[in-house]
Amino acid sequence: MEAVLFFLAALGALGGAIGVVAMRNPFYSVLALIVHLFSLAVLFLLLSSAFVAAAQVVVYAGAVMVLYVFVVAYIGGGEESAWEPIPGQQFLAPLIGIALFVELSIAVLSSSLLALGTDGPKVGPGFGDPAGIGYLLLERFLLPFEASSILLLLAAVGAIVLAGRRAVPERAPGAGSPGTPRESGPGDPVPGAHSAEVPIR
């Protein structure tokens, strides 16, 4: 049963990660990221890390994703509101993707596959409890933990600022900017001509 649950969670994690970068609609990408985070929570449960799994659901799949949904709703979630491509992106993106794939393949083939025939690492009592997690996050890895939270905040604020810069109101056809002379039309009076008053009898 654990093997079946592991493969289902692994497929959900991979499918969600691929959906985040493959879907053009930002709202669907956020939904795919939620599926990915829930799948990671199941994998943490299989590793006997109940506290990390609960934090994964409550903090990331809950609070952080609500923030992302609000940001996507603010900047617009349609395909027509996609960002303009970066110059050279079509050439650099495949190269970076191939380099990342090679790096992950080397890491998996060199170290991870060697642990398949073993019973895994020896963990002591109290592994994964709130006290151990609090020690790692607030003492040993305090700087990376705070840096990740600041990066999430900067990403949300940056998306709002960029969306505000792009939202330039369109002027109506024929309407010039304030202070610029408007072209005369058929119904406009001729410059220099005075209207003569016609007496009413």
C-alpha atoms as a PDB file:
ATOM      1  CA  MET A   1       0.000   0.000   0.000  1.00  0.00           C
ATOM      2  CA  GLU A   2       2.860   2.375   0.778  1.00  0.00           C
ATOM      3  CA  ALA A   3       4.421   1.722  -2.625  1.00  0.00           C
ATOM      4  CA  VAL A   4       1.158   2.530  -4.419  1.00  0.00           C
ATOM      5  CA  LEU A   5       0.702   5.705  -2.376  1.00  0.00           C
ATOM      6  CA  PHE A   6       4.305   6.696  -3.057  1.00  0.00           C
ATOM      7  CA  PHE A   7       3.936   6.342  -6.826  1.00  0.00           C
ATOM      8  CA  LEU A   8       0.617   8.231  -6.836  1.00  0.00           C
ATOM      9  CA  ALA A   9       2.133  11.076  -4.805  1.00  0.00           C
ATOM     10  CA  ALA A  10       5.236  11.099  -7.014  1.00  0.00           C
ATOM     11  CA  LEU A  11       3.105  11.325 -10.167  1.00  0.00           C
ATOM     12  CA  GLY A  12       1.081  14.132  -8.599  1.00  0.00           C
ATOM     13  CA  ALA A  13       4.238  16.023  -7.652  1.00  0.00           C
ATOM     14  CA  LEU A  14       5.757  15.649 -11.121  1.00  0.00           C
ATOM     15  CA  GLY A  15       2.508  16.454 -12.913  1.00  0.00           C
ATOM     16  CA  GLY A  16       1.913  19.519 -10.763  1.00  0.00           C
ATOM     17  CA  ALA A  17       5.453  20.790 -11.301  1.00  0.00           C
ATOM     18  CA  ILE A  18       5.155  20.342 -15.071  1.00  0.00           C
ATOM     19  CA  GLY A  19       1.757  22.055 -15.061  1.00  0.00           C
ATOM     20  CA  VAL A  20       3.187  25.100 -13.270  1.00  0.00           C
ATOM     21  CA  VAL A  21       5.619  25.846 -16.094  1.00  0.00           C
ATOM     22  CA  ALA A  22       3.596  24.436 -19.011  1.00  0.00           C
ATOM     23  CA  MET A  23       0.236  26.211 -18.577  1.00  0.00           C
ATOM     24  CA  ARG A  24      -0.106  29.693 -20.068  1.00  0.00           C
ATOM     25  CA  ASN A  25      -2.902  30.743 -17.734  1.00  0.00           C
ATOM     26  CA  PRO A  26      -1.390  31.911 -14.393  1.00  0.00           C
ATOM     27  CA  PHE A  27      -4.471  30.831 -12.430  1.00  0.00           C
ATOM     28  CA  TYR A  28      -4.171  27.249 -13.685  1.00  0.00           C
ATOM     29  CA  SER A  29      -0.471  27.338 -12.832  1.00  0.00           C
ATOM     30  CA  VAL A  30      -1.355  28.217  -9.231  1.00  0.00           C
ATOM     31  CA  LEU A  31      -3.810  25.313  -9.103  1.00  0.00           C
ATOM     32  CA  ALA A  32      -1.130  22.974 -10.450  1.00  0.00           C
ATOM     33  CA  LEU A  33       1.247  24.233  -7.754  1.00  0.00           C
ATOM     34  CA  ILE A  34      -1.363  23.427  -5.092  1.00  0.00           C
ATOM     35  CA  VAL A  35      -1.558  19.847  -6.433  1.00  0.00           C
ATOM     36  CA  HIS A  36       2.233  19.668  -6.302  1.00  0.00           C
ATOM     37  CA  LEU A  37       2.335  20.861  -2.680  1.00  0.00           C
ATOM     38  CA  PHE A  38      -0.338  18.384  -1.563  1.00  0.00           C
ATOM     39  CA  SER A  39       1.608  15.571  -3.226  1.00  0.00           C
ATOM     40  CA  LEU A  40       4.748  16.642  -1.389  1.00  0.00           C
ATOM     41  CA  ALA A  41       2.787  16.549   1.868  1.00  0.00           C
ATOM     42  CA  VAL A  42       1.876  12.914   1.175  1.00  0.00           C
ATOM     43  CA  LEU A  43       5.550  12.112   0.527  1.00  0.00           C
ATOM     44  CA  PHE A  44       6.497  13.727   3.829  1.00  0.00           C
ATOM     45  CA  LEU A  45       3.895  11.579   5.572  1.00  0.00           C
ATOM     46  CA  LEU A  46       5.496   8.479   4.083  1.00  0.00           C
ATOM     47  CA  LEU A  47       8.822   9.666   5.533  1.00  0.00           C
ATOM     48  CA  SER A  48       7.258   9.845   9.041  1.00  0.00           C
ATOM     49  CA  SER A  49       7.399  13.659   9.046  1.00  0.00           C
ATOM     50  CA  ALA A  50       3.859  14.498  10.084  1.00  0.00           C
ATOM     51  CA  PHE A  51       4.712  18.005  11.278  1.00  0.00           C
ATOM     52  CA  VAL A  52       6.389  18.958   7.993  1.00  0.00           C
ATOM     53  CA  ALA A  53       3.433  17.517   6.043  1.00  0.00           C
ATOM     54  CA  ALA A  54       0.971  19.560   8.105  1.00  0.00           C
ATOM     55  CA  ALA A  55       3.066  22.711   7.631  1.00  0.00           C
ATOM     56  CA  GLN A  56       3.220  21.995   3.901  1.00  0.00           C
ATOM     57  CA  VAL A  57      -0.580  21.968   3.695  1.00  0.00           C
ATOM     58  CA  VAL A  58      -1.386  24.759   6.161  1.00  0.00           C
ATOM     59  CA  VAL A  59       1.379  27.230   5.302  1.00  0.00           C
ATOM     60  CA  TYR A  60       2.198  26.668   1.628  1.00  0.00           C
ATOM     61  CA  ALA A  61      -0.915  25.081   0.114  1.00  0.00           C
ATOM     62  CA  GLY A  62      -3.049  27.332   2.309  1.00  0.00           C
ATOM     63  CA  ALA A  63      -1.725  30.786   3.182  1.00  0.00           C
ATOM     64  CA  VAL A  64       0.935  31.242   0.490  1.00  0.00           C
ATOM     65  CA  MET A  65      -1.327  29.971  -2.288  1.00  0.00           C
ATOM     66  CA  VAL A  66      -4.101  32.325  -1.185  1.00  0.00           C
ATOM     67  CA  LEU A  67      -1.588  35.159  -1.575  1.00  0.00           C
ATOM     68  CA  TYR A  68      -0.685  33.918  -5.062  1.00  0.00           C
ATOM     69  CA  VAL A  69      -4.356  33.697  -6.040  1.00  0.00           C
ATOM     70  CA  PHE A  70      -4.912  37.310  -4.963  1.00  0.00           C
ATOM     71  CA  VAL A  71      -1.862  38.433  -6.939  1.00  0.00           C
ATOM     72  CA  VAL A  72      -3.021  36.556 -10.047  1.00  0.00           C
ATOM     73  CA  ALA A  73      -6.518  37.998  -9.676  1.00  0.00           C
ATOM     74  CA  TYR A  74      -5.011  41.491  -9.406  1.00  0.00           C
ATOM     75  CA  ILE A  75      -2.748  41.303 -12.445  1.00  0.00           C
ATOM     76  CA  GLY A  76      -5.249  39.318 -14.520  1.00  0.00           C
ATOM     77  CA  GLY A  77      -5.375  35.584 -15.070  1.00  0.00           C
ATOM     78  CA  GLY A  78      -6.130  35.314 -18.777  1.00  0.00           C
ATOM     79  CA  GLU A  79      -3.821  34.123 -21.499  1.00  0.00           C
ATOM     80  CA  GLU A  80      -3.950  37.539 -23.108  1.00  0.00           C
ATOM     81  CA  SER A  81      -2.245  39.019 -20.025  1.00  0.00           C
ATOM     82  CA  ALA A  82       0.862  36.852 -20.303  1.00  0.00           C
ATOM     83  CA  TRP A  83       4.194  38.594 -19.908  1.00  0.00           C
ATOM     84  CA  GLU A  84       6.126  39.613 -22.963  1.00  0.00           C
ATOM     85  CA  PRO A  85       8.980  37.202 -23.752  1.00  0.00           C
ATOM     86  CA  ILE A  86      12.432  38.201 -22.551  1.00  0.00           C
ATOM     87  CA  PRO A  87      14.895  38.931 -25.365  1.00  0.00           C
ATOM     88  CA  GLY A  88      16.785  35.715 -26.100  1.00  0.00           C
ATOM     89  CA  GLN A  89      14.450  33.638 -23.925  1.00  0.00           C
ATOM     90  CA  GLN A  90      13.699  31.082 -26.643  1.00  0.00           C
ATOM     91  CA  PHE A  91      17.422  30.409 -26.999  1.00  0.00           C
ATOM     92  CA  LEU A  92      18.431  30.471 -23.318  1.00  0.00           C
ATOM     93  CA  ALA A  93      15.477  28.568 -21.837  1.00  0.00           C
ATOM     94  CA  PRO A  94      16.234  25.210 -23.547  1.00  0.00           C
ATOM     95  CA  LEU A  95      19.915  25.484 -22.626  1.00  0.00           C
ATOM     96  CA  ILE A  96      19.151  26.173 -18.968  1.00  0.00           C
ATOM     97  CA  GLY A  97      16.583  23.338 -18.932  1.00  0.00           C
ATOM     98  CA  ILE A  98      19.092  20.859 -20.394  1.00  0.00           C
ATOM     99  CA  ALA A  99      21.789  21.957 -17.914  1.00  0.00           C
ATOM    100  CA  LEU A 100      19.385  21.511 -14.996  1.00  0.00           C
ATOM    101  CA  PHE A 101      18.324  18.069 -16.253  1.00  0.00           C
ATOM    102  CA  VAL A 102      21.950  16.951 -16.550  1.00  0.00           C
ATOM    103  CA  GLU A 103      22.720  18.220 -13.049  1.00  0.00           C
ATOM    104  CA  LEU A 104      19.746  16.397 -11.518  1.00  0.00           C
ATOM    105  CA  SER A 105      20.597  13.214 -13.435  1.00  0.00           C
ATOM    106  CA  ILE A 106      24.150  13.269 -12.111  1.00  0.00           C
ATOM    107  CA  ALA A 107      22.884  13.795  -8.553  1.00  0.00           C
ATOM    108  CA  VAL A 108      20.376  10.931  -8.817  1.00  0.00           C
ATOM    109  CA  LEU A 109      22.708   8.452 -10.508  1.00  0.00           C
ATOM    110  CA  SER A 110      25.659   9.177  -8.240  1.00  0.00           C
ATOM    111  CA  SER A 111      24.043   9.169  -4.802  1.00  0.00           C
ATOM    112  CA  SER A 112      20.304   8.512  -4.671  1.00  0.00           C
ATOM    113  CA  LEU A 113      20.288   5.154  -6.477  1.00  0.00           C
ATOM    114  CA  LEU A 114      22.947   3.810  -4.114  1.00  0.00           C
ATOM    115  CA  ALA A 115      20.436   3.817  -1.246  1.00  0.00           C
ATOM    116  CA  LEU A 116      17.871   1.573  -2.958  1.00  0.00           C
ATOM    117  CA  GLY A 117      19.261  -1.634  -1.459  1.00  0.00           C
ATOM    118  CA  THR A 118      19.570  -0.247   2.083  1.00  0.00           C
ATOM    119  CA  ASP A 119      17.097   0.416   4.876  1.00  0.00           C
ATOM    120  CA  GLY A 120      17.593   4.160   4.714  1.00  0.00           C
ATOM    121  CA  PRO A 121      19.252   6.473   7.233  1.00  0.00           C
ATOM    122  CA  LYS A 122      19.114   5.755  10.934  1.00  0.00           C
ATOM    123  CA  VAL A 123      16.993   8.340  12.679  1.00  0.00           C
ATOM    124  CA  GLY A 124      16.789   8.791  16.407  1.00  0.00           C
ATOM    125  CA  PRO A 125      13.756   9.410  18.601  1.00  0.00           C
ATOM    126  CA  GLY A 126      12.121  12.781  18.149  1.00  0.00           C
ATOM    127  CA  PHE A 127      12.989  13.046  14.468  1.00  0.00           C
ATOM    128  CA  GLY A 128      10.553  15.373  12.695  1.00  0.00           C
ATOM    129  CA  ASP A 129       8.811  16.618  15.863  1.00  0.00           C
ATOM    130  CA  PRO A 130       8.040  20.344  16.353  1.00  0.00           C
ATOM    131  CA  ALA A 131      11.050  20.863  18.624  1.00  0.00           C
ATOM    132  CA  GLY A 132      13.496  19.500  16.058  1.00  0.00           C
ATOM    133  CA  ILE A 133      11.908  21.462  13.220  1.00  0.00           C
ATOM    134  CA  GLY A 134      11.926  24.664  15.268  1.00  0.00           C
ATOM    135  CA  TYR A 135      15.611  24.191  16.069  1.00  0.00           C
ATOM    136  CA  LEU A 136      16.505  23.727  12.409  1.00  0.00           C
ATOM    137  CA  LEU A 137      14.416  26.651  11.143  1.00  0.00           C
ATOM    138  CA  LEU A 138      15.108  29.201  13.875  1.00  0.00           C
ATOM    139  CA  GLU A 139      18.730  28.407  14.728  1.00  0.00           C
ATOM    140  CA  ARG A 140      20.618  26.336  12.192  1.00  0.00           C
ATOM    141  CA  PHE A 141      18.893  27.468   8.986  1.00  0.00           C
ATOM    142  CA  LEU A 142      17.559  30.824  10.162  1.00  0.00           C
ATOM    143  CA  LEU A 143      19.099  32.870   7.337  1.00  0.00           C
ATOM    144  CA  PRO A 144      17.777  30.698   4.441  1.00  0.00           C
ATOM    145  CA  PHE A 145      14.377  30.503   6.137  1.00  0.00           C
ATOM    146  CA  GLU A 146      14.053  34.287   6.433  1.00  0.00           C
ATOM    147  CA  ALA A 147      15.509  34.816   2.948  1.00  0.00           C
ATOM    148  CA  SER A 148      12.847  32.561   1.400  1.00  0.00           C
ATOM    149  CA  SER A 149      10.060  34.468   3.151  1.00  0.00           C
ATOM    150  CA  ILE A 150      11.479  37.794   1.929  1.00  0.00           C
ATOM    151  CA  LEU A 151      11.729  36.430  -1.627  1.00  0.00           C
ATOM    152  CA  LEU A 152       8.068  35.400  -1.561  1.00  0.00           C
ATOM    153  CA  LEU A 153       7.072  38.865  -0.396  1.00  0.00           C
ATOM    154  CA  LEU A 154       9.240  40.565  -3.026  1.00  0.00           C
ATOM    155  CA  ALA A 155       7.752  38.370  -5.751  1.00  0.00           C
ATOM    156  CA  ALA A 156       4.207  39.369  -4.793  1.00  0.00           C
ATOM    157  CA  VAL A 157       5.028  43.084  -4.515  1.00  0.00           C
ATOM    158  CA  GLY A 158       7.019  43.015  -7.776  1.00  0.00           C
ATOM    159  CA  ALA A 159       4.130  41.417  -9.656  1.00  0.00           C
ATOM    160  CA  ILE A 160       1.752  44.106  -8.406  1.00  0.00           C
ATOM    161  CA  VAL A 161       4.170  46.925  -9.327  1.00  0.00           C
ATOM    162  CA  LEU A 162       4.786  45.539 -12.813  1.00  0.00           C
ATOM    163  CA  ALA A 163       1.060  45.053 -13.375  1.00  0.00           C
ATOM    164  CA  GLY A 164       0.440  48.672 -12.352  1.00  0.00           C
ATOM    165  CA  ARG A 165       3.040  49.923 -14.820  1.00  0.00           C
ATOM    166  CA  ARG A 166       1.498  47.946 -17.668  1.00  0.00           C
ATOM    167  CA  ALA A 167      -2.037  49.123 -16.940  1.00  0.00           C
ATOM    168  CA  VAL A 168      -1.822  52.364 -18.979  1.00  0.00           C
ATOM    169  CA  PRO A 169      -5.274  53.771 -19.850  1.00  0.00           C
ATOM    170  CA  GLU A 170      -5.894  53.910 -23.579  1.00  0.00           C
ATOM    171  CA  ARG A 171      -6.955  57.231 -25.015  1.00  0.00           C
ATOM    172  CA  ALA A 172      -9.980  57.519 -27.224  1.00  0.00           C
ATOM    173  CA  PRO A 173      -9.318  57.932 -30.962  1.00  0.00           C
ATOM    174  CA  GLY A 174      -8.760  61.592 -31.786  1.00  0.00           C
ATOM    175  CA  ALA A 175      -8.264  62.630 -28.157  1.00  0.00           C
ATOM    176  CA  GLY A 176      -4.913  64.303 -27.675  1.00  0.00           C
ATOM    177  CA  SER A 177      -2.957  64.858 -24.515  1.00  0.00           C
ATOM    178  CA  PRO A 178      -3.775  67.902 -22.355  1.00  0.00           C
ATOM    179  CA  GLY A 179      -2.289  71.079 -23.763  1.00  0.00           C
ATOM    180  CA  THR A 180      -1.952  69.855 -27.362  1.00  0.00           C
ATOM    181  CA  PRO A 181      -4.038  71.586 -30.034  1.00  0.00           C
ATOM    182  CA  ARG A 182      -6.863  69.592 -31.518  1.00  0.00           C
ATOM    183  CA  GLU A 183      -7.368  69.395 -35.241  1.00  0.00           C
ATOM    184  CA  SER A 184     -10.278  71.442 -36.459  1.00  0.00           C
ATOM    185  CA  GLY A 185     -13.327  69.646 -37.700  1.00  0.00           C
ATOM    186  CA  PRO A 186     -16.130  70.492 -40.110  1.00  0.00           C
ATOM    187  CA  GLY A 187     -18.296  72.048 -37.406  1.00  0.00           C
ATOM    188  CA  ASP A 188     -15.569  74.194 -35.853  1.00  0.00           C
ATOM    189  CA  PRO A 189     -15.547  77.987 -36.467  1.00  0.00           C
ATOM    190  CA  VAL A 190     -12.998  79.391 -38.892  1.00  0.00           C
ATOM    191  CA  PRO A 191     -10.077  81.069 -37.074  1.00  0.00           C
ATOM    192  CA  GLY A 192     -10.193  84.885 -37.378  1.00  0.00           C
ATOM    193  CA  ALA A 193     -13.839  84.974 -38.480  1.00  0.00           C
ATOM    194  CA  HIS A 194     -16.382  86.701 -36.204  1.00  0.00           C
ATOM    195  CA  SER A 195     -19.891  85.474 -36.094  1.00  0.00           C
ATOM    196  CA  ALA A 196     -22.322  88.099 -37.309  1.00  0.00           C
ATOM    197  CA  GLU A 197     -25.438  88.626 -35.301  1.00  0.00           C
ATOM    198  CA  VAL A 198     -28.588  88.413 -37.402  1.00  0.00           C
ATOM    199  CA  PRO A 199     -31.299  90.722 -36.106  1.00  0.00           C
ATOM    200  CA  ILE A 200     -34.585  89.086 -35.395  1.00  0.00           C
ATOM    201  CA  ARG A 201     -37.600  90.925 -36.810  1.00  0.00           C
END
